[in-house]
Structures are given as C-alpha cells and as structure tokens.
Protein backbone atom coordinates (compact mmCIF):
# COMPACT_ATOMS: atom_id res chain seq x y z
CA MET A 1 125.67 59.33 117.01
CA ARG A 2 123.89 56.02 116.51
CA HIS A 3 126.42 54.34 118.78
CA VAL A 4 125.74 56.88 121.54
CA VAL A 5 122.00 56.35 121.26
CA ALA A 6 122.44 52.58 121.35
CA TYR A 7 124.69 53.00 124.40
CA LEU A 8 122.00 55.02 126.18
CA LEU A 9 119.33 52.47 125.28
CA ALA A 10 121.51 49.66 126.59
CA ALA A 11 122.12 51.63 129.78
CA MET A 12 118.37 52.02 130.25
CA GLY A 13 117.84 48.31 129.76
CA THR A 14 120.68 46.58 131.53
CA GLY A 15 122.47 49.41 133.27
CA GLN A 16 125.83 48.07 132.06
CA PRO A 17 126.22 48.69 128.31
CA ASN A 18 128.80 46.58 126.52
CA ALA A 19 129.81 45.97 122.92
CA ALA A 20 127.49 42.99 122.52
CA SER A 21 124.40 44.86 123.75
CA ILE A 22 125.15 47.87 121.56
CA LYS A 23 125.68 45.65 118.51
CA ALA A 24 122.41 43.85 119.26
CA ILE A 25 120.49 47.15 119.48
CA LEU A 26 121.98 48.48 116.26
CA GLY A 27 121.47 45.14 114.52
CA SER A 28 117.78 45.12 115.47
CA VAL A 29 117.24 48.13 113.22
CA GLY A 30 119.50 46.92 110.43
CA VAL A 31 122.59 48.99 111.24
CA GLU A 32 126.04 47.46 111.47
CA ALA A 33 128.19 48.73 114.33
CA ASP A 34 131.53 50.30 113.47
CA GLU A 35 134.13 48.55 115.65
CA LYS A 36 136.45 51.55 115.83
CA GLN A 37 133.73 53.99 116.88
CA LEU A 38 132.29 51.48 119.31
CA THR A 39 135.68 50.96 120.97
CA VAL A 40 136.26 54.72 121.29
CA LEU A 41 132.79 55.22 122.77
CA LEU A 42 133.19 52.43 125.31
CA ASP A 43 136.64 53.72 126.31
CA LYS A 44 135.42 57.30 126.75
CA LEU A 45 132.33 56.38 128.78
CA SER A 46 133.70 53.55 130.89
CA GLY A 47 133.33 54.26 134.59
CA LYS A 48 131.41 57.52 134.06
CA ASN A 49 128.06 58.39 135.58
CA LEU A 50 125.58 58.84 132.71
CA ALA A 51 123.24 61.05 134.73
CA GLN A 52 126.12 63.43 135.47
CA LEU A 53 127.26 63.42 131.82
CA ILE A 54 123.74 64.28 130.66
CA GLN A 55 123.44 67.05 133.25
CA ASP A 56 126.81 68.53 132.24
CA GLY A 57 125.91 68.30 128.55
CA SER A 58 122.55 69.97 129.14
CA ALA A 59 124.30 72.90 130.80
CA LEU A 60 126.60 73.26 127.80
CA ILE A 61 123.73 73.11 125.32
CA SER A 62 121.66 75.65 127.23
CA SER A 63 124.47 78.18 126.91
CA MET A 64 124.35 78.00 123.11
CA PRO A 65 122.24 80.55 121.21
CA ALA A 66 119.08 79.02 119.81
CA CYS A 67 119.13 80.55 116.35
CA GLY A 68 122.78 81.06 115.61
CA GLY A 69 123.02 84.15 117.80
CA GLY A 70 123.34 86.53 114.90
CA GLY A 71 120.86 89.17 114.04
CA GLY A 72 119.60 89.96 110.59
CA ALA A 73 120.13 93.18 108.75
CA ALA A 74 119.24 96.29 110.68
CA ALA A 75 115.85 97.83 109.94
CA PRO A 76 115.94 101.30 108.35
CA ALA A 77 115.16 104.26 110.54
CA ALA A 78 111.52 105.28 110.47
CA GLY A 79 110.70 107.75 107.72
CA THR A 80 114.07 107.74 105.93
CA ALA A 81 114.51 105.21 103.17
CA ALA A 82 111.29 103.31 103.70
CA ALA A 83 108.93 105.83 102.09
CA PRO A 84 110.73 106.23 98.71
CA ALA A 85 111.11 102.46 98.41
CA ALA A 86 107.39 101.98 98.96
CA GLU A 87 106.58 104.54 96.26
CA GLU A 88 108.86 102.78 93.77
CA LYS A 89 107.20 99.46 94.42
CA LYS A 90 103.78 100.97 93.75
CA GLU A 91 104.93 102.34 90.40
CA GLU A 92 106.62 99.12 89.33
CA LYS A 93 103.64 96.96 90.10
CA LYS A 94 101.51 96.63 87.00
CA GLU A 95 98.31 94.71 86.81
CA GLU A 96 98.75 91.50 84.96
CA PRO A 97 95.84 89.84 83.23
CA GLU A 98 94.35 87.18 85.42
CA GLU A 99 94.91 83.77 83.95
CA GLU A 100 94.11 80.43 85.44
CA SER A 101 97.30 79.19 87.00
CA ASP A 102 98.38 75.61 86.61
CA ASP A 103 100.77 75.68 89.57
CA ASP A 104 99.74 72.22 90.67
CA MET A 105 100.89 70.76 87.32
CA GLY A 106 97.58 69.10 86.73
CA PHE A 107 97.37 67.41 90.11
CA GLY A 108 94.73 68.67 92.49
CA LEU A 109 94.82 68.19 96.21
CA PHE A 110 91.77 65.94 96.21
CA ASP A 111 92.08 64.22 92.81
C-alpha cells in the first residue's frame, strides 16, 4: 500500500512516476522500497490513466456494504420473551455496599 501511495504522490508532483521518484518519497519518511513490489506496481500501472483508475475503484468501493452487510441477532417479538427476562434481571440484581472504587489505579485525570 505504501508503494501505491508514493506512486500517487509522485503522480501529483511530476505527473510521470518512476522508480526513482517513488524510492525518494518512501526514503523521505524512512521506508525502504521493496524492489519486487515496486516493479509489479510500475508494470501494472504503466500507460494507465490514474483519474480513470480512481473513478473505477470508487465505483467498486461504493458497492461494498459499509458495516459488513450482516445484521445482528433478531430482536424478540414484543411481549414474548422480553418480559420474563426483565423480571429475572430485577430479582438477580442485589444492592451491593457502596465502596470507593479505585478503578483509576491511583492515577487521577488531573493529577
């Protein structure tokens, strides 16, 4: 992914990304370019219109569901199993003595 980003940055700067410009961009942030990945990227994108690739990719991404597409568990029907479960919870809940909690392990927010 870093090679693709460097390719896009080089395209914004010079318009003609090449291995040297991509290596320079990656090197400026302390990342060494992988020759094999760089060669594959340059081969795949050579002669292609970046604006068209981005447009096509955006169309593909927009067709994907945002949250995995799956639904959660179905909610129970109103008035069936919800009422007995609520009664059980009331019975199970016992009042506990209030003690000072040390959840912050001795570190306060403003200490």
